[in-house]
Amino acid sequence: MTPNVIGDIFTNAMYIVLAIVLVVIVPSLLIGLMVSTFQAATQINEQTLSFLPRLVATLLAIILFGPWAVNAVLDFTRDIYMNIPFLIG
């Protein structure tokens, strides 16, 4: 196993983690930005107002993209296990 192979495996793992995290975080970020803009425009300074929409957006993202995320991790894990003979020798 060469350092290049280890680097490739690590890079693929980081791309998968980044993609899964972005799919969950970006909708929450956008909803939070819209709610904050609404609060600034209407001068409502309630901190709990932005919590529920962000929570709902995050849960919907997990429900919608959860199967894709699980499949991405399973495919990566399957590839690692299938390539063990090539990685060792």
PDB file of N, CA and C in Angstrom:
ATOM      1  N   MET A   1       0.863  -1.168   0.000  1.00  0.00           N
ATOM      2  CA  MET A   1       0.000   0.000   0.000  1.00  0.00           C
ATOM      3  C   MET A   1       0.907   1.228   0.000  1.00  0.00           C
ATOM      4  N   THR A   2       0.700   2.071  -0.978  1.00  0.00           N
ATOM      5  CA  THR A   2       1.530   3.262  -1.117  1.00  0.00           C
ATOM      6  C   THR A   2       0.846   4.463  -0.469  1.00  0.00           C
ATOM      7  N   PRO A   3       1.615   5.491  -0.194  1.00  0.00           N
ATOM      8  CA  PRO A   3       1.007   6.709   0.357  1.00  0.00           C
ATOM      9  C   PRO A   3      -0.031   7.333  -0.575  1.00  0.00           C
ATOM     10  N   ASN A   4       0.130   7.150  -1.881  1.00  0.00           N
ATOM     11  CA  ASN A   4      -0.856   7.688  -2.822  1.00  0.00           C
ATOM     12  C   ASN A   4      -2.212   7.003  -2.668  1.00  0.00           C
ATOM     13  N   VAL A   5      -2.196   5.701  -2.444  1.00  0.00           N
ATOM     14  CA  VAL A   5      -3.446   4.962  -2.257  1.00  0.00           C
ATOM     15  C   VAL A   5      -4.133   5.418  -0.976  1.00  0.00           C
ATOM     16  N   ILE A   6      -3.358   5.568   0.087  1.00  0.00           N
ATOM     17  CA  ILE A   6      -3.921   6.046   1.351  1.00  0.00           C
ATOM     18  C   ILE A   6      -4.493   7.449   1.173  1.00  0.00           C
ATOM     19  N   GLY A   7      -3.777   8.290   0.445  1.00  0.00           N
ATOM     20  CA  GLY A   7      -4.271   9.644   0.174  1.00  0.00           C
ATOM     21  C   GLY A   7      -5.559   9.639  -0.624  1.00  0.00           C
ATOM     22  N   ASP A   8      -5.653   8.745  -1.603  1.00  0.00           N
ATOM     23  CA  ASP A   8      -6.882   8.648  -2.404  1.00  0.00           C
ATOM     24  C   ASP A   8      -8.071   8.178  -1.563  1.00  0.00           C
ATOM     25  N   ILE A   9      -7.831   7.191  -0.715  1.00  0.00           N
ATOM     26  CA  ILE A   9      -8.909   6.702   0.157  1.00  0.00           C
ATOM     27  C   ILE A   9      -9.362   7.808   1.095  1.00  0.00           C
ATOM     28  N   PHE A  10      -8.405   8.500   1.692  1.00  0.00           N
ATOM     29  CA  PHE A  10      -8.738   9.589   2.613  1.00  0.00           C
ATOM     30  C   PHE A  10      -9.472  10.714   1.890  1.00  0.00           C
ATOM     31  N   THR A  11      -9.039  11.044   0.683  1.00  0.00           N
ATOM     32  CA  THR A  11      -9.697  12.099  -0.097  1.00  0.00           C
ATOM     33  C   THR A  11     -11.133  11.714  -0.426  1.00  0.00           C
ATOM     34  N   ASN A  12     -11.339  10.473  -0.852  1.00  0.00           N
ATOM     35  CA  ASN A  12     -12.705  10.015  -1.141  1.00  0.00           C
ATOM     36  C   ASN A  12     -13.583  10.057   0.104  1.00  0.00           C
ATOM     37  N   ALA A  13     -13.022   9.662   1.241  1.00  0.00           N
ATOM     38  CA  ALA A  13     -13.786   9.698   2.491  1.00  0.00           C
ATOM     39  C   ALA A  13     -14.172  11.133   2.841  1.00  0.00           C
ATOM     40  N   MET A  14     -13.255  12.064   2.678  1.00  0.00           N
ATOM     41  CA  MET A  14     -13.547  13.462   3.003  1.00  0.00           C
ATOM     42  C   MET A  14     -14.589  14.051   2.056  1.00  0.00           C
ATOM     43  N   TYR A  15     -14.548  13.677   0.780  1.00  0.00           N
ATOM     44  CA  TYR A  15     -15.563  14.151  -0.166  1.00  0.00           C
ATOM     45  C   TYR A  15     -16.952  13.631   0.203  1.00  0.00           C
ATOM     46  N   ILE A  16     -17.023  12.388   0.613  1.00  0.00           N
ATOM     47  CA  ILE A  16     -18.314  11.822   1.013  1.00  0.00           C
ATOM     48  C   ILE A  16     -18.842  12.529   2.254  1.00  0.00           C
ATOM     49  N   VAL A  17     -17.981  12.730   3.240  1.00  0.00           N
ATOM     50  CA  VAL A  17     -18.394  13.422   4.466  1.00  0.00           C
ATOM     51  C   VAL A  17     -18.835  14.845   4.145  1.00  0.00           C
ATOM     52  N   LEU A  18     -18.082  15.540   3.315  1.00  0.00           N
ATOM     53  CA  LEU A  18     -18.427  16.917   2.948  1.00  0.00           C
ATOM     54  C   LEU A  18     -19.771  16.973   2.225  1.00  0.00           C
ATOM     55  N   ALA A  19     -20.000  16.056   1.311  1.00  0.00           N
ATOM     56  CA  ALA A  19     -21.268  16.044   0.575  1.00  0.00           C
ATOM     57  C   ALA A  19     -22.446  15.775   1.505  1.00  0.00           C
ATOM     58  N   ILE A  20     -22.288  14.839   2.421  1.00  0.00           N
ATOM     59  CA  ILE A  20     -23.381  14.519   3.344  1.00  0.00           C
ATOM     60  C   ILE A  20     -23.661  15.691   4.270  1.00  0.00           C
ATOM     61  N   VAL A  21     -22.619  16.317   4.780  1.00  0.00           N
ATOM     62  CA  VAL A  21     -22.804  17.452   5.693  1.00  0.00           C
ATOM     63  C   VAL A  21     -23.434  18.634   4.965  1.00  0.00           C
ATOM     64  N   LEU A  22     -22.984  18.915   3.755  1.00  0.00           N
ATOM     65  CA  LEU A  22     -23.536  20.053   3.016  1.00  0.00           C
ATOM     66  C   LEU A  22     -25.008  19.859   2.688  1.00  0.00           C
ATOM     67  N   VAL A  23     -25.391  18.635   2.380  1.00  0.00           N
ATOM     68  CA  VAL A  23     -26.791  18.367   2.049  1.00  0.00           C
ATOM     69  C   VAL A  23     -27.694  18.658   3.247  1.00  0.00           C
ATOM     70  N   VAL A  24     -27.191  18.451   4.451  1.00  0.00           N
ATOM     71  CA  VAL A  24     -27.995  18.692   5.648  1.00  0.00           C
ATOM     72  C   VAL A  24     -27.898  20.148   6.102  1.00  0.00           C
ATOM     73  N   ILE A  25     -26.727  20.762   5.989  1.00  0.00           N
ATOM     74  CA  ILE A  25     -26.503  22.096   6.549  1.00  0.00           C
ATOM     75  C   ILE A  25     -27.032  23.212   5.652  1.00  0.00           C
ATOM     76  N   VAL A  26     -26.899  23.089   4.347  1.00  0.00           N
ATOM     77  CA  VAL A  26     -27.271  24.185   3.440  1.00  0.00           C
ATOM     78  C   VAL A  26     -28.751  24.562   3.535  1.00  0.00           C
ATOM     79  N   PRO A  27     -29.692  23.619   3.553  1.00  0.00           N
ATOM     80  CA  PRO A  27     -31.094  24.051   3.708  1.00  0.00           C
ATOM     81  C   PRO A  27     -31.344  24.792   5.017  1.00  0.00           C
ATOM     82  N   SER A  28     -30.732  24.330   6.090  1.00  0.00           N
ATOM     83  CA  SER A  28     -30.882  25.008   7.379  1.00  0.00           C
ATOM     84  C   SER A  28     -30.286  26.407   7.327  1.00  0.00           C
ATOM     85  N   LEU A  29     -29.165  26.542   6.657  1.00  0.00           N
ATOM     86  CA  LEU A  29     -28.530  27.852   6.514  1.00  0.00           C
ATOM     87  C   LEU A  29     -29.413  28.805   5.719  1.00  0.00           C
ATOM     88  N   LEU A  30     -29.977  28.336   4.624  1.00  0.00           N
ATOM     89  CA  LEU A  30     -30.824  29.195   3.800  1.00  0.00           C
ATOM     90  C   LEU A  30     -32.108  29.593   4.522  1.00  0.00           C
ATOM     91  N   ILE A  31     -32.730  28.649   5.214  1.00  0.00           N
ATOM     92  CA  ILE A  31     -33.941  28.968   5.981  1.00  0.00           C
ATOM     93  C   ILE A  31     -33.605  29.949   7.097  1.00  0.00           C
ATOM     94  N   GLY A  32     -32.498  29.744   7.780  1.00  0.00           N
ATOM     95  CA  GLY A  32     -32.081  30.665   8.831  1.00  0.00           C
ATOM     96  C   GLY A  32     -31.830  32.061   8.299  1.00  0.00           C
ATOM     97  N   LEU A  33     -31.240  32.157   7.114  1.00  0.00           N
ATOM     98  CA  LEU A  33     -31.001  33.460   6.498  1.00  0.00           C
ATOM     99  C   LEU A  33     -32.311  34.151   6.149  1.00  0.00           C
ATOM    100  N   MET A  34     -33.266  33.392   5.602  1.00  0.00           N
ATOM    101  CA  MET A  34     -34.561  33.994   5.264  1.00  0.00           C
ATOM    102  C   MET A  34     -35.311  34.451   6.517  1.00  0.00           C
ATOM    103  N   VAL A  35     -35.301  33.640   7.560  1.00  0.00           N
ATOM    104  CA  VAL A  35     -35.990  34.015   8.794  1.00  0.00           C
ATOM    105  C   VAL A  35     -35.311  35.219   9.433  1.00  0.00           C
ATOM    106  N   SER A  36     -33.993  35.261   9.414  1.00  0.00           N
ATOM    107  CA  SER A  36     -33.269  36.402   9.979  1.00  0.00           C
ATOM    108  C   SER A  36     -33.557  37.676   9.200  1.00  0.00           C
ATOM    109  N   THR A  37     -33.653  37.571   7.883  1.00  0.00           N
ATOM    110  CA  THR A  37     -34.005  38.733   7.066  1.00  0.00           C
ATOM    111  C   THR A  37     -35.418  39.201   7.390  1.00  0.00           C
ATOM    112  N   PHE A  38     -36.338  38.260   7.544  1.00  0.00           N
ATOM    113  CA  PHE A  38     -37.708  38.600   7.923  1.00  0.00           C
ATOM    114  C   PHE A  38     -37.743  39.271   9.296  1.00  0.00           C
ATOM    115  N   GLN A  39     -36.978  38.743  10.238  1.00  0.00           N
ATOM    116  CA  GLN A  39     -36.941  39.337  11.574  1.00  0.00           C
ATOM    117  C   GLN A  39     -36.349  40.741  11.545  1.00  0.00           C
ATOM    118  N   ALA A  40     -35.328  40.946  10.739  1.00  0.00           N
ATOM    119  CA  ALA A  40     -34.725  42.273  10.646  1.00  0.00           C
ATOM    120  C   ALA A  40     -35.681  43.257   9.982  1.00  0.00           C
ATOM    121  N   ALA A  41     -36.429  42.787   8.983  1.00  0.00           N
ATOM    122  CA  ALA A  41     -37.352  43.680   8.280  1.00  0.00           C
ATOM    123  C   ALA A  41     -38.542  44.063   9.154  1.00  0.00           C
ATOM    124  N   THR A  42     -38.995  43.128   9.981  1.00  0.00           N
ATOM    125  CA  THR A  42     -40.169  43.404  10.812  1.00  0.00           C
ATOM    126  C   THR A  42     -39.797  43.801  12.239  1.00  0.00           C
ATOM    127  N   GLN A  43     -38.520  43.841  12.555  1.00  0.00           N
ATOM    128  CA  GLN A  43     -37.996  44.201  13.876  1.00  0.00           C
ATOM    129  C   GLN A  43     -38.534  43.292  14.975  1.00  0.00           C
ATOM    130  N   ILE A  44     -38.704  42.034  14.651  1.00  0.00           N
ATOM    131  CA  ILE A  44     -39.069  41.030  15.652  1.00  0.00           C
ATOM    132  C   ILE A  44     -37.764  40.435  16.173  1.00  0.00           C
ATOM    133  N   ASN A  45     -37.529  40.555  17.465  1.00  0.00           N
ATOM    134  CA  ASN A  45     -36.270  40.081  18.038  1.00  0.00           C
ATOM    135  C   ASN A  45     -36.479  38.844  18.906  1.00  0.00           C
ATOM    136  N   GLU A  46     -37.214  37.905  18.391  1.00  0.00           N
ATOM    137  CA  GLU A  46     -37.472  36.669  19.125  1.00  0.00           C
ATOM    138  C   GLU A  46     -36.481  35.604  18.661  1.00  0.00           C
ATOM    139  N   GLN A  47     -35.665  35.094  19.580  1.00  0.00           N
ATOM    140  CA  GLN A  47     -34.629  34.130  19.217  1.00  0.00           C
ATOM    141  C   GLN A  47     -35.204  32.763  18.856  1.00  0.00           C
ATOM    142  N   THR A  48     -36.320  32.415  19.462  1.00  0.00           N
ATOM    143  CA  THR A  48     -36.879  31.082  19.214  1.00  0.00           C
ATOM    144  C   THR A  48     -37.641  30.995  17.896  1.00  0.00           C
ATOM    145  N   LEU A  49     -37.903  32.125  17.255  1.00  0.00           N
ATOM    146  CA  LEU A  49     -38.660  32.119  16.003  1.00  0.00           C
ATOM    147  C   LEU A  49     -37.903  31.406  14.884  1.00  0.00           C
ATOM    148  N   SER A  50     -36.601  31.523  14.869  1.00  0.00           N
ATOM    149  CA  SER A  50     -35.833  30.910  13.785  1.00  0.00           C
ATOM    150  C   SER A  50     -35.514  29.440  14.053  1.00  0.00           C
ATOM    151  N   PHE A  51     -35.747  28.972  15.264  1.00  0.00           N
ATOM    152  CA  PHE A  51     -35.373  27.600  15.602  1.00  0.00           C
ATOM    153  C   PHE A  51     -36.240  26.565  14.893  1.00  0.00           C
ATOM    154  N   LEU A  52     -37.538  26.716  14.956  1.00  0.00           N
ATOM    155  CA  LEU A  52     -38.439  25.710  14.390  1.00  0.00           C
ATOM    156  C   LEU A  52     -38.300  25.557  12.870  1.00  0.00           C
ATOM    157  N   PRO A  53     -38.268  26.647  12.086  1.00  0.00           N
ATOM    158  CA  PRO A  53     -38.089  26.442  10.637  1.00  0.00           C
ATOM    159  C   PRO A  53     -36.760  25.771  10.283  1.00  0.00           C
ATOM    160  N   ARG A  54     -35.696  26.119  10.999  1.00  0.00           N
ATOM    161  CA  ARG A  54     -34.407  25.473  10.728  1.00  0.00           C
ATOM    162  C   ARG A  54     -34.441  24.000  11.108  1.00  0.00           C
ATOM    163  N   LEU A  55     -35.103  23.691  12.213  1.00  0.00           N
ATOM    164  CA  LEU A  55     -35.232  22.300  12.634  1.00  0.00           C
ATOM    165  C   LEU A  55     -36.022  21.494  11.608  1.00  0.00           C
ATOM    166  N   VAL A  56     -37.118  22.053  11.132  1.00  0.00           N
ATOM    167  CA  VAL A  56     -37.939  21.367  10.126  1.00  0.00           C
ATOM    168  C   VAL A  56     -37.150  21.179   8.830  1.00  0.00           C
ATOM    169  N   ALA A  57     -36.414  22.207   8.406  1.00  0.00           N
ATOM    170  CA  ALA A  57     -35.614  22.095   7.180  1.00  0.00           C
ATOM    171  C   ALA A  57     -34.542  21.020   7.322  1.00  0.00           C
ATOM    172  N   THR A  58     -33.906  20.962   8.478  1.00  0.00           N
ATOM    173  CA  THR A  58     -32.879  19.949   8.704  1.00  0.00           C
ATOM    174  C   THR A  58     -33.483  18.546   8.706  1.00  0.00           C
ATOM    175  N   LEU A  59     -34.611  18.385   9.375  1.00  0.00           N
ATOM    176  CA  LEU A  59     -35.259  17.070   9.399  1.00  0.00           C
ATOM    177  C   LEU A  59     -35.733  16.641   8.015  1.00  0.00           C
ATOM    178  N   LEU A  60     -36.279  17.575   7.241  1.00  0.00           N
ATOM    179  CA  LEU A  60     -36.695  17.244   5.871  1.00  0.00           C
ATOM    180  C   LEU A  60     -35.499  16.854   5.008  1.00  0.00           C
ATOM    181  N   ALA A  61     -34.386  17.568   5.177  1.00  0.00           N
ATOM    182  CA  ALA A  61     -33.183  17.227   4.414  1.00  0.00           C
ATOM    183  C   ALA A  61     -32.692  15.832   4.782  1.00  0.00           C
ATOM    184  N   ILE A  62     -32.738  15.504   6.063  1.00  0.00           N
ATOM    185  CA  ILE A  62     -32.312  14.167   6.488  1.00  0.00           C
ATOM    186  C   ILE A  62     -33.260  13.105   5.944  1.00  0.00           C
ATOM    187  N   ILE A  63     -34.557  13.386   5.963  1.00  0.00           N
ATOM    188  CA  ILE A  63     -35.532  12.418   5.448  1.00  0.00           C
ATOM    189  C   ILE A  63     -35.371  12.231   3.941  1.00  0.00           C
ATOM    190  N   LEU A  64     -35.188  13.338   3.212  1.00  0.00           N
ATOM    191  CA  LEU A  64     -35.093  13.250   1.755  1.00  0.00           C
ATOM    192  C   LEU A  64     -33.762  12.674   1.279  1.00  0.00           C
ATOM    193  N   PHE A  65     -32.665  13.096   1.907  1.00  0.00           N
ATOM    194  CA  PHE A  65     -31.342  12.702   1.431  1.00  0.00           C
ATOM    195  C   PHE A  65     -30.686  11.624   2.287  1.00  0.00           C
ATOM    196  N   GLY A  66     -31.380  11.157   3.330  1.00  0.00           N
ATOM    197  CA  GLY A  66     -30.825  10.113   4.183  1.00  0.00           C
ATOM    198  C   GLY A  66     -30.501   8.829   3.438  1.00  0.00           C
ATOM    199  N   PRO A  67     -31.424   8.326   2.615  1.00  0.00           N
ATOM    200  CA  PRO A  67     -31.101   7.097   1.870  1.00  0.00           C
ATOM    201  C   PRO A  67     -29.893   7.263   0.945  1.00  0.00           C
ATOM    202  N   TRP A  68     -29.779   8.417   0.313  1.00  0.00           N
ATOM    203  CA  TRP A  68     -28.616   8.659  -0.534  1.00  0.00           C
ATOM    204  C   TRP A  68     -27.335   8.663   0.292  1.00  0.00           C
ATOM    205  N   ALA A  69     -27.371   9.307   1.470  1.00  0.00           N
ATOM    206  CA  ALA A  69     -26.189   9.383   2.326  1.00  0.00           C
ATOM    207  C   ALA A  69     -25.778   7.995   2.810  1.00  0.00           C
ATOM    208  N   VAL A  70     -26.748   7.197   3.204  1.00  0.00           N
ATOM    209  CA  VAL A  70     -26.445   5.840   3.662  1.00  0.00           C
ATOM    210  C   VAL A  70     -25.858   5.020   2.523  1.00  0.00           C
ATOM    211  N   ASN A  71     -26.421   5.146   1.331  1.00  0.00           N
ATOM    212  CA  ASN A  71     -25.880   4.409   0.179  1.00  0.00           C
ATOM    213  C   ASN A  71     -24.471   4.862  -0.167  1.00  0.00           C
ATOM    214  N   ALA A  72     -24.191   6.157  -0.050  1.00  0.00           N
ATOM    215  CA  ALA A  72     -22.846   6.658  -0.338  1.00  0.00           C
ATOM    216  C   ALA A  72     -21.831   6.069   0.639  1.00  0.00           C
ATOM    217  N   VAL A  73     -22.178   6.039   1.911  1.00  0.00           N
ATOM    218  CA  VAL A  73     -21.268   5.474   2.912  1.00  0.00           C
ATOM    219  C   VAL A  73     -21.131   3.967   2.717  1.00  0.00           C
ATOM    220  N   LEU A  74     -22.229   3.290   2.417  1.00  0.00           N
ATOM    221  CA  LEU A  74     -22.160   1.844   2.191  1.00  0.00           C
ATOM    222  C   LEU A  74     -21.327   1.507   0.957  1.00  0.00           C
ATOM    223  N   ASP A  75     -21.478   2.273  -0.115  1.00  0.00           N
ATOM    224  CA  ASP A  75     -20.673   2.040  -1.316  1.00  0.00           C
ATOM    225  C   ASP A  75     -19.191   2.244  -1.032  1.00  0.00           C
ATOM    226  N   PHE A  76     -18.870   3.292  -0.286  1.00  0.00           N
ATOM    227  CA  PHE A  76     -17.473   3.551   0.065  1.00  0.00           C
ATOM    228  C   PHE A  76     -16.917   2.408   0.912  1.00  0.00           C
ATOM    229  N   THR A  77     -17.689   1.979   1.902  1.00  0.00           N
ATOM    230  CA  THR A  77     -17.244   0.888   2.771  1.00  0.00           C
ATOM    231  C   THR A  77     -17.095  -0.408   1.986  1.00  0.00           C
ATOM    232  N   ARG A  78     -18.043  -0.679   1.097  1.00  0.00           N
ATOM    233  CA  ARG A  78     -17.972  -1.883   0.267  1.00  0.00           C
ATOM    234  C   ARG A  78     -16.728  -1.844  -0.624  1.00  0.00           C
ATOM    235  N   ASP A  79     -16.432  -0.686  -1.199  1.00  0.00           N
ATOM    236  CA  ASP A  79     -15.234  -0.566  -2.034  1.00  0.00           C
ATOM    237  C   ASP A  79     -13.963  -0.812  -1.228  1.00  0.00           C
ATOM    238  N   ILE A  80     -13.930  -0.294  -0.011  1.00  0.00           N
ATOM    239  CA  ILE A  80     -12.752  -0.513   0.834  1.00  0.00           C
ATOM    240  C   ILE A  80     -12.586  -2.005   1.129  1.00  0.00           C
ATOM    241  N   TYR A  81     -13.667  -2.670   1.527  1.00  0.00           N
ATOM    242  CA  TYR A  81     -13.585  -4.096   1.848  1.00  0.00           C
ATOM    243  C   TYR A  81     -13.274  -4.947   0.621  1.00  0.00           C
ATOM    244  N   MET A  82     -13.815  -4.590  -0.521  1.00  0.00           N
ATOM    245  CA  MET A  82     -13.548  -5.368  -1.730  1.00  0.00           C
ATOM    246  C   MET A  82     -12.112  -5.192  -2.214  1.00  0.00           C
ATOM    247  N   ASN A  83     -11.495  -4.067  -1.892  1.00  0.00           N
ATOM    248  CA  ASN A  83     -10.136  -3.795  -2.351  1.00  0.00           C
ATOM    249  C   ASN A  83      -9.069  -4.165  -1.329  1.00  0.00           C
ATOM    250  N   ILE A  84      -9.441  -4.796  -0.230  1.00  0.00           N
ATOM    251  CA  ILE A  84      -8.444  -5.180   0.774  1.00  0.00           C
ATOM    252  C   ILE A  84      -7.352  -6.078   0.183  1.00  0.00           C
ATOM    253  N   PRO A  85      -7.676  -7.084  -0.641  1.00  0.00           N
ATOM    254  CA  PRO A  85      -6.590  -7.901  -1.205  1.00  0.00           C
ATOM    255  C   PRO A  85      -5.618  -7.082  -2.062  1.00  0.00           C
ATOM    256  N   PHE A  86      -6.125  -6.097  -2.775  1.00  0.00           N
ATOM    257  CA  PHE A  86      -5.253  -5.275  -3.614  1.00  0.00           C
ATOM    258  C   PHE A  86      -4.463  -4.272  -2.777  1.00  0.00           C
ATOM    259  N   LEU A  87      -5.041  -3.850  -1.669  1.00  0.00           N
ATOM    260  CA  LEU A  87      -4.356  -2.889  -0.812  1.00  0.00           C
ATOM    261  C   LEU A  87      -3.227  -3.546  -0.026  1.00  0.00           C
ATOM    262  N   ILE A  88      -3.407  -4.804   0.346  1.00  0.00           N
ATOM    263  CA  ILE A  88      -2.378  -5.500   1.121  1.00  0.00           C
ATOM    264  C   ILE A  88      -1.226  -5.931   0.226  1.00  0.00           C
ATOM    265  N   GLY A  89      -1.557  -6.495  -0.902  1.00  0.00           N
ATOM    266  CA  GLY A  89      -0.513  -7.066  -1.747  1.00  0.00           C
ATOM    267  C   GLY A  89      -0.329  -6.265  -2.922  1.00  0.00           C
TER     268      GLY A  89
END
